[in-house]
Structures are given as structure tokens and as C-alpha cells.
Amino acid sequence: MKYLIAELLDKLAEKEEASKELVAQIEALEIVVTAMLRKMELDQQKSIAAGIESAMFSAGVDASDENAVLLRNYVDKLLKHPRI
């Protein structure tokens, strides 16, 4: 039983480490995208936002899917209210 618990704790620690790495990657991408958007003219920013919206529509991002709603909200936040 102790072996099983130790193995489960090891697996949990591995997943936690992988999760931290993914969070760091996402935050790095957010910083890079924000920096790029700030260097662009407003019309370029709007064009990119429209292109992303079109791509999401073409990909069939369903407004009734909870994950799709989270994705859309985060994309909107990133494009319209970038990180300071």
C-alpha cells in the first residue's frame, strides 16, 4: 500500500511540474504577443483581430462549448485588453 501511495505521489508531482511548465509557456507567449501588438498601428491590430475571429469561425468554434467560450474570451481579452 505504501508503494502505491508513493507511486501516486510521484505521478502527481510529475503532473504538477508539467503544469507549471505549460503555464510558463503560456505567459511567455502572452508577453510576446502583447509586445508585438503594441508595436503595431491600430488598423493592423484590428486586422489581426478580424483575421483571428474569421479563423475561429471557420474552424467551427462552437459558442455552446464551454472550452470554446473560454478560448474566445481569452483571445478577446488578449487582443482588446493586452497585458500591461
PDB file of N, CA and C in Angstrom:
ATOM      1  N   MET A   1       0.825  -1.194   0.000  1.00  0.00           N
ATOM      2  CA  MET A   1       0.000   0.000   0.000  1.00  0.00           C
ATOM      3  C   MET A   1       0.871   1.261   0.000  1.00  0.00           C
ATOM      4  N   LYS A   2       1.950   1.250   0.789  1.00  0.00           N
ATOM      5  CA  LYS A   2       2.844   2.402   0.826  1.00  0.00           C
ATOM      6  C   LYS A   2       3.464   2.651  -0.542  1.00  0.00           C
ATOM      7  N   TYR A   3       3.791   1.555  -1.245  1.00  0.00           N
ATOM      8  CA  TYR A   3       4.372   1.679  -2.579  1.00  0.00           C
ATOM      9  C   TYR A   3       3.392   2.363  -3.527  1.00  0.00           C
ATOM     10  N   LEU A   4       2.131   1.969  -3.457  1.00  0.00           N
ATOM     11  CA  LEU A   4       1.103   2.554  -4.323  1.00  0.00           C
ATOM     12  C   LEU A   4       0.940   4.039  -4.047  1.00  0.00           C
ATOM     13  N   ILE A   5       0.896   4.416  -2.784  1.00  0.00           N
ATOM     14  CA  ILE A   5       0.761   5.828  -2.411  1.00  0.00           C
ATOM     15  C   ILE A   5       1.975   6.622  -2.876  1.00  0.00           C
ATOM     16  N   ALA A   6       3.167   6.054  -2.691  1.00  0.00           N
ATOM     17  CA  ALA A   6       4.388   6.739  -3.132  1.00  0.00           C
ATOM     18  C   ALA A   6       4.387   6.920  -4.645  1.00  0.00           C
ATOM     19  N   GLU A   7       3.941   5.895  -5.360  1.00  0.00           N
ATOM     20  CA  GLU A   7       3.878   5.985  -6.825  1.00  0.00           C
ATOM     21  C   GLU A   7       2.874   7.050  -7.264  1.00  0.00           C
ATOM     22  N   LEU A   8       1.740   7.105  -6.611  1.00  0.00           N
ATOM     23  CA  LEU A   8       0.727   8.116  -6.937  1.00  0.00           C
ATOM     24  C   LEU A   8       1.253   9.529  -6.654  1.00  0.00           C
ATOM     25  N   LEU A   9       1.967   9.686  -5.560  1.00  0.00           N
ATOM     26  CA  LEU A   9       2.545  10.988  -5.224  1.00  0.00           C
ATOM     27  C   LEU A   9       3.595  11.400  -6.253  1.00  0.00           C
ATOM     28  N   ASP A  10       4.385  10.444  -6.729  1.00  0.00           N
ATOM     29  CA  ASP A  10       5.372  10.736  -7.773  1.00  0.00           C
ATOM     30  C   ASP A  10       4.689  11.191  -9.063  1.00  0.00           C
ATOM     31  N   LYS A  11       3.628  10.490  -9.439  1.00  0.00           N
ATOM     32  CA  LYS A  11       2.903  10.857 -10.660  1.00  0.00           C
ATOM     33  C   LYS A  11       2.268  12.243 -10.514  1.00  0.00           C
ATOM     34  N   LEU A  12       1.736  12.520  -9.347  1.00  0.00           N
ATOM     35  CA  LEU A  12       1.139  13.826  -9.082  1.00  0.00           C
ATOM     36  C   LEU A  12       2.189  14.931  -9.182  1.00  0.00           C
ATOM     37  N   ALA A  13       3.376  14.687  -8.644  1.00  0.00           N
ATOM     38  CA  ALA A  13       4.465  15.668  -8.708  1.00  0.00           C
ATOM     39  C   ALA A  13       4.891  15.906 -10.154  1.00  0.00           C
ATOM     40  N   GLU A  14       4.932  14.843 -10.971  1.00  0.00           N
ATOM     41  CA  GLU A  14       5.284  14.985 -12.385  1.00  0.00           C
ATOM     42  C   GLU A  14       4.250  15.844 -13.113  1.00  0.00           C
ATOM     43  N   LYS A  15       2.988  15.585 -12.849  1.00  0.00           N
ATOM     44  CA  LYS A  15       1.924  16.359 -13.495  1.00  0.00           C
ATOM     45  C   LYS A  15       1.978  17.825 -13.064  1.00  0.00           C
ATOM     46  N   GLU A  16       2.274  18.054 -11.812  1.00  0.00           N
ATOM     47  CA  GLU A  16       2.386  19.427 -11.300  1.00  0.00           C
ATOM     48  C   GLU A  16       3.517  20.167 -12.015  1.00  0.00           C
ATOM     49  N   GLU A  17       4.637  19.494 -12.197  1.00  0.00           N
ATOM     50  CA  GLU A  17       5.781  20.099 -12.877  1.00  0.00           C
ATOM     51  C   GLU A  17       5.439  20.408 -14.335  1.00  0.00           C
ATOM     52  N   ALA A  18       4.767  19.485 -15.005  1.00  0.00           N
ATOM     53  CA  ALA A  18       4.361  19.699 -16.397  1.00  0.00           C
ATOM     54  C   ALA A  18       3.386  20.864 -16.491  1.00  0.00           C
ATOM     55  N   SER A  19       2.486  20.955 -15.522  1.00  0.00           N
ATOM     56  CA  SER A  19       1.514  22.042 -15.496  1.00  0.00           C
ATOM     57  C   SER A  19       2.210  23.391 -15.332  1.00  0.00           C
ATOM     58  N   LYS A  20       3.196  23.450 -14.447  1.00  0.00           N
ATOM     59  CA  LYS A  20       3.945  24.701 -14.240  1.00  0.00           C
ATOM     60  C   LYS A  20       4.658  25.118 -15.518  1.00  0.00           C
ATOM     61  N   GLU A  21       5.208  24.150 -16.226  1.00  0.00           N
ATOM     62  CA  GLU A  21       5.908  24.459 -17.477  1.00  0.00           C
ATOM     63  C   GLU A  21       4.947  25.011 -18.519  1.00  0.00           C
ATOM     64  N   LEU A  22       3.760  24.422 -18.617  1.00  0.00           N
ATOM     65  CA  LEU A  22       2.764  24.919 -19.574  1.00  0.00           C
ATOM     66  C   LEU A  22       2.315  26.336 -19.219  1.00  0.00           C
ATOM     67  N   VAL A  23       2.126  26.614 -17.943  1.00  0.00           N
ATOM     68  CA  VAL A  23       1.734  27.956 -17.513  1.00  0.00           C
ATOM     69  C   VAL A  23       2.821  28.957 -17.890  1.00  0.00           C
ATOM     70  N   ALA A  24       4.076  28.600 -17.687  1.00  0.00           N
ATOM     71  CA  ALA A  24       5.183  29.492 -18.044  1.00  0.00           C
ATOM     72  C   ALA A  24       5.221  29.744 -19.549  1.00  0.00           C
ATOM     73  N   GLN A  25       4.988  28.708 -20.339  1.00  0.00           N
ATOM     74  CA  GLN A  25       4.972  28.868 -21.794  1.00  0.00           C
ATOM     75  C   GLN A  25       3.845  29.798 -22.229  1.00  0.00           C
ATOM     76  N   ILE A  26       2.679  29.625 -21.644  1.00  0.00           N
ATOM     77  CA  ILE A  26       1.528  30.460 -21.996  1.00  0.00           C
ATOM     78  C   ILE A  26       1.781  31.911 -21.615  1.00  0.00           C
ATOM     79  N   GLU A  27       2.319  32.132 -20.434  1.00  0.00           N
ATOM     80  CA  GLU A  27       2.610  33.504 -20.009  1.00  0.00           C
ATOM     81  C   GLU A  27       3.666  34.148 -20.896  1.00  0.00           C
ATOM     82  N   ALA A  28       4.659  33.387 -21.316  1.00  0.00           N
ATOM     83  CA  ALA A  28       5.680  33.916 -22.213  1.00  0.00           C
ATOM     84  C   ALA A  28       5.066  34.303 -23.555  1.00  0.00           C
ATOM     85  N   LEU A  29       4.202  33.455 -24.077  1.00  0.00           N
ATOM     86  CA  LEU A  29       3.533  33.769 -25.341  1.00  0.00           C
ATOM     87  C   LEU A  29       2.652  35.009 -25.214  1.00  0.00           C
ATOM     88  N   GLU A  30       1.981  35.138 -24.093  1.00  0.00           N
ATOM     89  CA  GLU A  30       1.135  36.311 -23.859  1.00  0.00           C
ATOM     90  C   GLU A  30       1.976  37.590 -23.861  1.00  0.00           C
ATOM     91  N   ILE A  31       3.127  37.547 -23.222  1.00  0.00           N
ATOM     92  CA  ILE A  31       4.009  38.715 -23.178  1.00  0.00           C
ATOM     93  C   ILE A  31       4.513  39.063 -24.575  1.00  0.00           C
ATOM     94  N   VAL A  32       4.909  38.050 -25.345  1.00  0.00           N
ATOM     95  CA  VAL A  32       5.420  38.286 -26.696  1.00  0.00           C
ATOM     96  C   VAL A  32       4.333  38.862 -27.592  1.00  0.00           C
ATOM     97  N   VAL A  33       3.143  38.270 -27.552  1.00  0.00           N
ATOM     98  CA  VAL A  33       2.043  38.762 -28.394  1.00  0.00           C
ATOM     99  C   VAL A  33       1.679  40.193 -28.018  1.00  0.00           C
ATOM    100  N   THR A  34       1.615  40.468 -26.732  1.00  0.00           N
ATOM    101  CA  THR A  34       1.290  41.820 -26.275  1.00  0.00           C
ATOM    102  C   THR A  34       2.329  42.825 -26.765  1.00  0.00           C
ATOM    103  N   ALA A  35       3.591  42.472 -26.656  1.00  0.00           N
ATOM    104  CA  ALA A  35       4.655  43.375 -27.113  1.00  0.00           C
ATOM    105  C   ALA A  35       4.544  43.623 -28.614  1.00  0.00           C
ATOM    106  N   MET A  36       4.241  42.579 -29.367  1.00  0.00           N
ATOM    107  CA  MET A  36       4.095  42.732 -30.819  1.00  0.00           C
ATOM    108  C   MET A  36       2.898  43.615 -31.163  1.00  0.00           C
ATOM    109  N   LEU A  37       1.787  43.402 -30.479  1.00  0.00           N
ATOM    110  CA  LEU A  37       0.592  44.204 -30.750  1.00  0.00           C
ATOM    111  C   LEU A  37       0.832  45.683 -30.457  1.00  0.00           C
ATOM    112  N   ARG A  38       1.585  45.954 -29.418  1.00  0.00           N
ATOM    113  CA  ARG A  38       1.839  47.351 -29.048  1.00  0.00           C
ATOM    114  C   ARG A  38       2.714  48.078 -30.067  1.00  0.00           C
ATOM    115  N   LYS A  39       3.473  47.335 -30.836  1.00  0.00           N
ATOM    116  CA  LYS A  39       4.322  47.946 -31.860  1.00  0.00           C
ATOM    117  C   LYS A  39       3.562  48.227 -33.155  1.00  0.00           C
ATOM    118  N   MET A  40       2.362  47.703 -33.253  1.00  0.00           N
ATOM    119  CA  MET A  40       1.568  47.841 -34.477  1.00  0.00           C
ATOM    120  C   MET A  40       0.646  49.047 -34.413  1.00  0.00           C
ATOM    121  N   GLU A  41       0.304  49.503 -35.587  1.00  0.00           N
ATOM    122  CA  GLU A  41      -0.710  50.558 -35.700  1.00  0.00           C
ATOM    123  C   GLU A  41      -2.073  49.960 -35.357  1.00  0.00           C
ATOM    124  N   LEU A  42      -3.010  50.819 -34.969  1.00  0.00           N
ATOM    125  CA  LEU A  42      -4.339  50.370 -34.563  1.00  0.00           C
ATOM    126  C   LEU A  42      -5.040  49.602 -35.683  1.00  0.00           C
ATOM    127  N   ASP A  43      -4.897  50.052 -36.929  1.00  0.00           N
ATOM    128  CA  ASP A  43      -5.562  49.354 -38.028  1.00  0.00           C
ATOM    129  C   ASP A  43      -4.978  47.956 -38.242  1.00  0.00           C
ATOM    130  N   GLN A  44      -3.694  47.793 -37.998  1.00  0.00           N
ATOM    131  CA  GLN A  44      -3.080  46.470 -38.092  1.00  0.00           C
ATOM    132  C   GLN A  44      -3.598  45.560 -36.977  1.00  0.00           C
ATOM    133  N   GLN A  45      -3.733  46.120 -35.783  1.00  0.00           N
ATOM    134  CA  GLN A  45      -4.263  45.344 -34.662  1.00  0.00           C
ATOM    135  C   GLN A  45      -5.685  44.866 -34.964  1.00  0.00           C
ATOM    136  N   LYS A  46      -6.499  45.773 -35.503  1.00  0.00           N
ATOM    137  CA  LYS A  46      -7.883  45.422 -35.836  1.00  0.00           C
ATOM    138  C   LYS A  46      -7.933  44.371 -36.932  1.00  0.00           C
ATOM    139  N   SER A  47      -7.041  44.474 -37.901  1.00  0.00           N
ATOM    140  CA  SER A  47      -6.987  43.487 -38.975  1.00  0.00           C
ATOM    141  C   SER A  47      -6.626  42.106 -38.450  1.00  0.00           C
ATOM    142  N   ILE A  48      -5.668  42.055 -37.547  1.00  0.00           N
ATOM    143  CA  ILE A  48      -5.283  40.776 -36.938  1.00  0.00           C
ATOM    144  C   ILE A  48      -6.447  40.203 -36.132  1.00  0.00           C
ATOM    145  N   ALA A  49      -7.100  41.039 -35.358  1.00  0.00           N
ATOM    146  CA  ALA A  49      -8.246  40.580 -34.561  1.00  0.00           C
ATOM    147  C   ALA A  49      -9.344  40.025 -35.465  1.00  0.00           C
ATOM    148  N   ALA A  50      -9.606  40.705 -36.566  1.00  0.00           N
ATOM    149  CA  ALA A  50     -10.626  40.234 -37.508  1.00  0.00           C
ATOM    150  C   ALA A  50     -10.209  38.909 -38.147  1.00  0.00           C
ATOM    151  N   GLY A  51      -8.942  38.779 -38.465  1.00  0.00           N
ATOM    152  CA  GLY A  51      -8.447  37.532 -39.035  1.00  0.00           C
ATOM    153  C   GLY A  51      -8.576  36.369 -38.068  1.00  0.00           C
ATOM    154  N   ILE A  52      -8.283  36.614 -36.815  1.00  0.00           N
ATOM    155  CA  ILE A  52      -8.413  35.568 -35.792  1.00  0.00           C
ATOM    156  C   ILE A  52      -9.875  35.192 -35.615  1.00  0.00           C
ATOM    157  N   GLU A  53     -10.732  36.191 -35.584  1.00  0.00           N
ATOM    158  CA  GLU A  53     -12.171  35.926 -35.452  1.00  0.00           C
ATOM    159  C   GLU A  53     -12.663  35.081 -36.623  1.00  0.00           C
ATOM    160  N   SER A  54     -12.222  35.420 -37.807  1.00  0.00           N
ATOM    161  CA  SER A  54     -12.608  34.666 -39.002  1.00  0.00           C
ATOM    162  C   SER A  54     -12.086  33.231 -38.940  1.00  0.00           C
ATOM    163  N   ALA A  55     -10.852  33.071 -38.491  1.00  0.00           N
ATOM    164  CA  ALA A  55     -10.265  31.733 -38.389  1.00  0.00           C
ATOM    165  C   ALA A  55     -11.013  30.881 -37.366  1.00  0.00           C
ATOM    166  N   MET A  56     -11.402  31.488 -36.272  1.00  0.00           N
ATOM    167  CA  MET A  56     -12.139  30.746 -35.250  1.00  0.00           C
ATOM    168  C   MET A  56     -13.509  30.338 -35.771  1.00  0.00           C
ATOM    169  N   PHE A  57     -14.142  31.224 -36.521  1.00  0.00           N
ATOM    170  CA  PHE A  57     -15.443  30.904 -37.106  1.00  0.00           C
ATOM    171  C   PHE A  57     -15.300  29.778 -38.122  1.00  0.00           C
ATOM    172  N   SER A  58     -14.268  29.876 -38.974  1.00  0.00           N
ATOM    173  CA  SER A  58     -14.030  28.837 -39.989  1.00  0.00           C
ATOM    174  C   SER A  58     -13.705  27.488 -39.360  1.00  0.00           C
ATOM    175  N   ALA A  59     -13.047  27.519 -38.219  1.00  0.00           N
ATOM    176  CA  ALA A  59     -12.687  26.282 -37.529  1.00  0.00           C
ATOM    177  C   ALA A  59     -13.883  25.675 -36.801  1.00  0.00           C
ATOM    178  N   GLY A  60     -14.986  26.399 -36.788  1.00  0.00           N
ATOM    179  CA  GLY A  60     -16.190  25.882 -36.148  1.00  0.00           C
ATOM    180  C   GLY A  60     -16.167  25.958 -34.644  1.00  0.00           C
ATOM    181  N   VAL A  61     -15.535  26.996 -34.107  1.00  0.00           N
ATOM    182  CA  VAL A  61     -15.527  27.174 -32.664  1.00  0.00           C
ATOM    183  C   VAL A  61     -16.967  27.419 -32.232  1.00  0.00           C
ATOM    184  N   ASP A  62     -17.499  26.471 -31.480  1.00  0.00           N
ATOM    185  CA  ASP A  62     -18.908  26.452 -31.105  1.00  0.00           C
ATOM    186  C   ASP A  62     -19.146  27.251 -29.831  1.00  0.00           C
ATOM    187  N   ALA A  63     -20.059  28.208 -29.916  1.00  0.00           N
ATOM    188  CA  ALA A  63     -20.335  29.075 -28.768  1.00  0.00           C
ATOM    189  C   ALA A  63     -21.010  28.320 -27.620  1.00  0.00           C
ATOM    190  N   SER A  64     -21.528  27.128 -27.883  1.00  0.00           N
ATOM    191  CA  SER A  64     -22.176  26.370 -26.814  1.00  0.00           C
ATOM    192  C   SER A  64     -21.184  25.464 -26.071  1.00  0.00           C
ATOM    193  N   ASP A  65     -19.974  25.342 -26.596  1.00  0.00           N
ATOM    194  CA  ASP A  65     -18.950  24.513 -25.953  1.00  0.00           C
ATOM    195  C   ASP A  65     -18.217  25.345 -24.900  1.00  0.00           C
ATOM    196  N   GLU A  66     -18.160  24.842 -23.689  1.00  0.00           N
ATOM    197  CA  GLU A  66     -17.551  25.588 -22.577  1.00  0.00           C
ATOM    198  C   GLU A  66     -16.084  25.923 -22.851  1.00  0.00           C
ATOM    199  N   ASN A  67     -15.337  24.978 -23.395  1.00  0.00           N
ATOM    200  CA  ASN A  67     -13.925  25.231 -23.710  1.00  0.00           C
ATOM    201  C   ASN A  67     -13.775  26.280 -24.799  1.00  0.00           C
ATOM    202  N   ALA A  68     -14.674  26.248 -25.776  1.00  0.00           N
ATOM    203  CA  ALA A  68     -14.631  27.228 -26.859  1.00  0.00           C
ATOM    204  C   ALA A  68     -14.922  28.626 -26.326  1.00  0.00           C
ATOM    205  N   VAL A  69     -15.839  28.720 -25.394  1.00  0.00           N
ATOM    206  CA  VAL A  69     -16.172  30.015 -24.792  1.00  0.00           C
ATOM    207  C   VAL A  69     -14.970  30.553 -24.020  1.00  0.00           C
ATOM    208  N   LEU A  70     -14.295  29.693 -23.273  1.00  0.00           N
ATOM    209  CA  LEU A  70     -13.091  30.112 -22.557  1.00  0.00           C
ATOM    210  C   LEU A  70     -12.024  30.601 -23.530  1.00  0.00           C
ATOM    211  N   LEU A  71     -11.835  29.857 -24.611  1.00  0.00           N
ATOM    212  CA  LEU A  71     -10.856  30.241 -25.628  1.00  0.00           C
ATOM    213  C   LEU A  71     -11.198  31.598 -26.227  1.00  0.00           C
ATOM    214  N   ARG A  72     -12.443  31.752 -26.633  1.00  0.00           N
ATOM    215  CA  ARG A  72     -12.873  33.017 -27.249  1.00  0.00           C
ATOM    216  C   ARG A  72     -12.707  34.188 -26.279  1.00  0.00           C
ATOM    217  N   ASN A  73     -13.085  33.995 -25.032  1.00  0.00           N
ATOM    218  CA  ASN A  73     -12.959  35.067 -24.042  1.00  0.00           C
ATOM    219  C   ASN A  73     -11.498  35.451 -23.826  1.00  0.00           C
ATOM    220  N   TYR A  74     -10.627  34.460 -23.776  1.00  0.00           N
ATOM    221  CA  TYR A  74      -9.224  34.765 -23.549  1.00  0.00           C
ATOM    222  C   TYR A  74      -8.612  35.459 -24.765  1.00  0.00           C
ATOM    223  N   VAL A  75      -8.968  35.011 -25.959  1.00  0.00           N
ATOM    224  CA  VAL A  75      -8.469  35.667 -27.176  1.00  0.00           C
ATOM    225  C   VAL A  75      -8.952  37.113 -27.216  1.00  0.00           C
ATOM    226  N   ASP A  76     -10.224  37.330 -26.917  1.00  0.00           N
ATOM    227  CA  ASP A  76     -10.759  38.698 -26.892  1.00  0.00           C
ATOM    228  C   ASP A  76     -10.017  39.556 -25.867  1.00  0.00           C
ATOM    229  N   LYS A  77      -9.782  38.994 -24.694  1.00  0.00           N
ATOM    230  CA  LYS A  77      -9.064  39.739 -23.647  1.00  0.00           C
ATOM    231  C   LYS A  77      -7.659  40.099 -24.109  1.00  0.00           C
ATOM    232  N   LEU A  78      -6.999  39.140 -24.729  1.00  0.00           N
ATOM    233  CA  LEU A  78      -5.620  39.362 -25.169  1.00  0.00           C
ATOM    234  C   LEU A  78      -5.550  40.415 -26.278  1.00  0.00           C
ATOM    235  N   LEU A  79      -6.500  40.392 -27.183  1.00  0.00           N
ATOM    236  CA  LEU A  79      -6.479  41.333 -28.302  1.00  0.00           C
ATOM    237  C   LEU A  79      -7.008  42.717 -27.944  1.00  0.00           C
ATOM    238  N   LYS A  80      -8.013  42.760 -27.094  1.00  0.00           N
ATOM    239  CA  LYS A  80      -8.656  44.042 -26.796  1.00  0.00           C
ATOM    240  C   LYS A  80      -8.106  44.709 -25.541  1.00  0.00           C
ATOM    241  N   HIS A  81      -7.614  43.924 -24.609  1.00  0.00           N
ATOM    242  CA  HIS A  81      -7.065  44.470 -23.360  1.00  0.00           C
ATOM    243  C   HIS A  81      -5.763  43.753 -23.045  1.00  0.00           C
ATOM    244  N   PRO A  82      -4.732  43.998 -23.852  1.00  0.00           N
ATOM    245  CA  PRO A  82      -3.490  43.266 -23.621  1.00  0.00           C
ATOM    246  C   PRO A  82      -2.872  43.564 -22.272  1.00  0.00           C
ATOM    247  N   ARG A  83      -2.088  42.616 -21.856  1.00  0.00           N
ATOM    248  CA  ARG A  83      -1.398  42.691 -20.570  1.00  0.00           C
ATOM    249  C   ARG A  83      -0.534  43.954 -20.505  1.00  0.00           C
ATOM    250  N   ILE A  84      -0.511  44.574 -19.370  1.00  0.00           N
ATOM    251  CA  ILE A  84       0.284  45.805 -19.208  1.00  0.00           C
ATOM    252  C   ILE A  84       1.669  45.464 -18.764  1.00  0.00           C
TER     253      ILE A  84
END
